[in-house]
């Protein structure tokens, strides 16, 4: 069984984006090859829309499968 591997990032700098990004919050990264080429990550921010942010605002992390499952479940339960 093959499942799309999800990638997550923790916000470590919300300078200039205090209303859009919360420090130490985990955000799911939406794949964006064009943005990645410019050192940008596509993130669904606090507005609920996805935007490109410079990768320096985040640390990309990988979680064990159990944690990813819990994060996906929490996201689908969010209104």
Foldseek 3Di string as FASTA:
>chain_A
DDDDAWKKKAFCDCVVNVVWADHRDIWTFDDDPVLVVVQWTWTCTPVRHTDTDHCVRIDIDHDPPVVVVVVVVVVVPDD
